[in-house]
């Protein structure tokens, strides 16, 4: 199936926005979780050598939460770009 130029542009823009929003949201969530794990390790609740294993496992569960929201926000930002282009062309 061959995509038109406009379709390729739309797919590229949506995927770039989606990827950027996903990276930011995952980074924020993982930083928050890392601070909690470090606090728990400092108090002796969990061993210090399993922090990054727990963080890696938790990142997989966060992806299921983040991906739909990131796709929505990426699509919304794309509609904002098209609105700005339409106003500029008037």
Protein backbone atom coordinates (compact mmCIF):
# COMPACT_ATOMS: atom_id res chain seq x y z
CA UNK A 1 0.00 0.00 0.00
CA UNK A 2 1.53 3.27 -1.12
CA UNK A 3 0.80 6.31 1.02
CA UNK A 4 0.34 9.75 -0.42
CA UNK A 5 2.68 12.57 0.50
CA UNK A 6 0.12 14.05 2.87
CA UNK A 7 -0.47 10.70 4.59
CA UNK A 8 3.26 10.15 5.07
CA UNK A 9 3.58 13.65 6.52
CA UNK A 10 0.69 13.08 8.93
CA UNK A 11 2.05 9.72 10.07
CA UNK A 12 5.52 11.18 10.58
CA UNK A 13 4.24 14.14 12.59
CA UNK A 14 1.94 12.04 14.78
CA UNK A 15 4.67 9.48 15.51
CA UNK A 16 7.23 12.17 16.35
CA UNK A 17 4.84 13.92 18.72
CA UNK A 18 3.75 10.62 20.25
CA UNK A 19 7.34 9.52 20.82
CA UNK A 20 8.37 12.84 22.38
CA UNK A 21 5.38 12.93 24.74
CA UNK A 22 5.97 9.27 25.68
CA UNK A 23 9.60 9.96 26.56
CA UNK A 24 8.72 12.94 28.74
CA UNK A 25 5.91 11.16 30.59
CA UNK A 26 7.95 8.00 31.19
CA UNK A 27 10.91 10.08 32.40
CA UNK A 28 8.71 11.93 34.90
CA UNK A 29 7.06 8.77 36.19
CA UNK A 30 10.33 6.84 36.42
CA UNK A 31 12.06 9.67 38.28
CA UNK A 32 9.22 9.75 40.79
CA UNK A 33 9.37 5.97 41.24
CA UNK A 34 13.17 6.03 41.57
CA UNK A 35 12.93 8.54 44.42
CA UNK A 36 10.41 6.31 46.19
CA UNK A 37 12.60 3.22 45.74
CA UNK A 38 15.66 5.07 47.01
CA UNK A 39 13.69 6.20 50.03
CA UNK A 40 12.55 2.64 50.71
CA UNK A 41 16.11 1.36 50.30
CA UNK A 42 17.44 4.02 52.68
CA UNK A 43 14.93 2.98 55.33
CA UNK A 44 15.83 -0.68 54.82
CA UNK A 45 12.50 -1.85 53.39
CA UNK A 46 14.03 -3.16 50.15
CA UNK A 47 17.60 -4.20 49.33
CA UNK A 48 19.61 -1.58 47.47
CA UNK A 49 20.77 -4.00 44.76
CA UNK A 50 17.25 -4.58 43.39
CA UNK A 51 16.27 -0.95 42.85
CA UNK A 52 17.01 -0.89 39.12
CA UNK A 53 15.41 -4.28 38.56
CA UNK A 54 12.23 -3.00 40.19
CA UNK A 55 12.49 0.19 38.18
CA UNK A 56 12.77 -1.75 34.92
CA UNK A 57 9.76 -3.90 35.75
CA UNK A 58 7.72 -0.89 36.78
CA UNK A 59 8.60 0.90 33.53
CA UNK A 60 6.79 -1.81 31.56
CA UNK A 61 3.61 -1.28 33.53
CA UNK A 62 3.91 2.49 33.07
CA UNK A 63 4.08 2.09 29.29
CA UNK A 64 0.58 0.62 29.26
CA UNK A 65 -0.62 3.71 31.07
CA UNK A 66 1.38 6.28 29.12
CA UNK A 67 1.05 5.15 25.49
CA UNK A 68 -2.66 5.93 24.96
CA UNK A 69 -2.38 9.31 26.69
CA UNK A 70 0.77 10.17 24.74
CA UNK A 71 -0.90 9.29 21.44
CA UNK A 72 -3.85 11.51 22.33
CA UNK A 73 -1.63 14.45 23.31
CA UNK A 74 0.54 13.93 20.23
CA UNK A 75 -2.55 14.03 18.02
CA UNK A 76 -3.82 17.15 19.78
CA UNK A 77 -0.52 18.92 19.26
CA UNK A 78 -0.69 18.02 15.58
CA UNK A 79 -4.12 19.60 15.28
CA UNK A 80 -2.67 22.73 16.87
CA UNK A 81 0.06 22.81 14.23
CA UNK A 82 -2.50 22.55 11.45
CA UNK A 83 -4.60 25.31 12.98
CA UNK A 84 -1.56 27.58 13.09
CA UNK A 85 -0.74 26.76 9.45
CA UNK A 86 -4.32 27.47 8.39
CA UNK A 87 -4.28 30.86 10.14
CA UNK A 88 -0.94 31.72 8.57
CA UNK A 89 -2.19 30.95 5.05
CA UNK A 90 -5.17 33.36 5.31
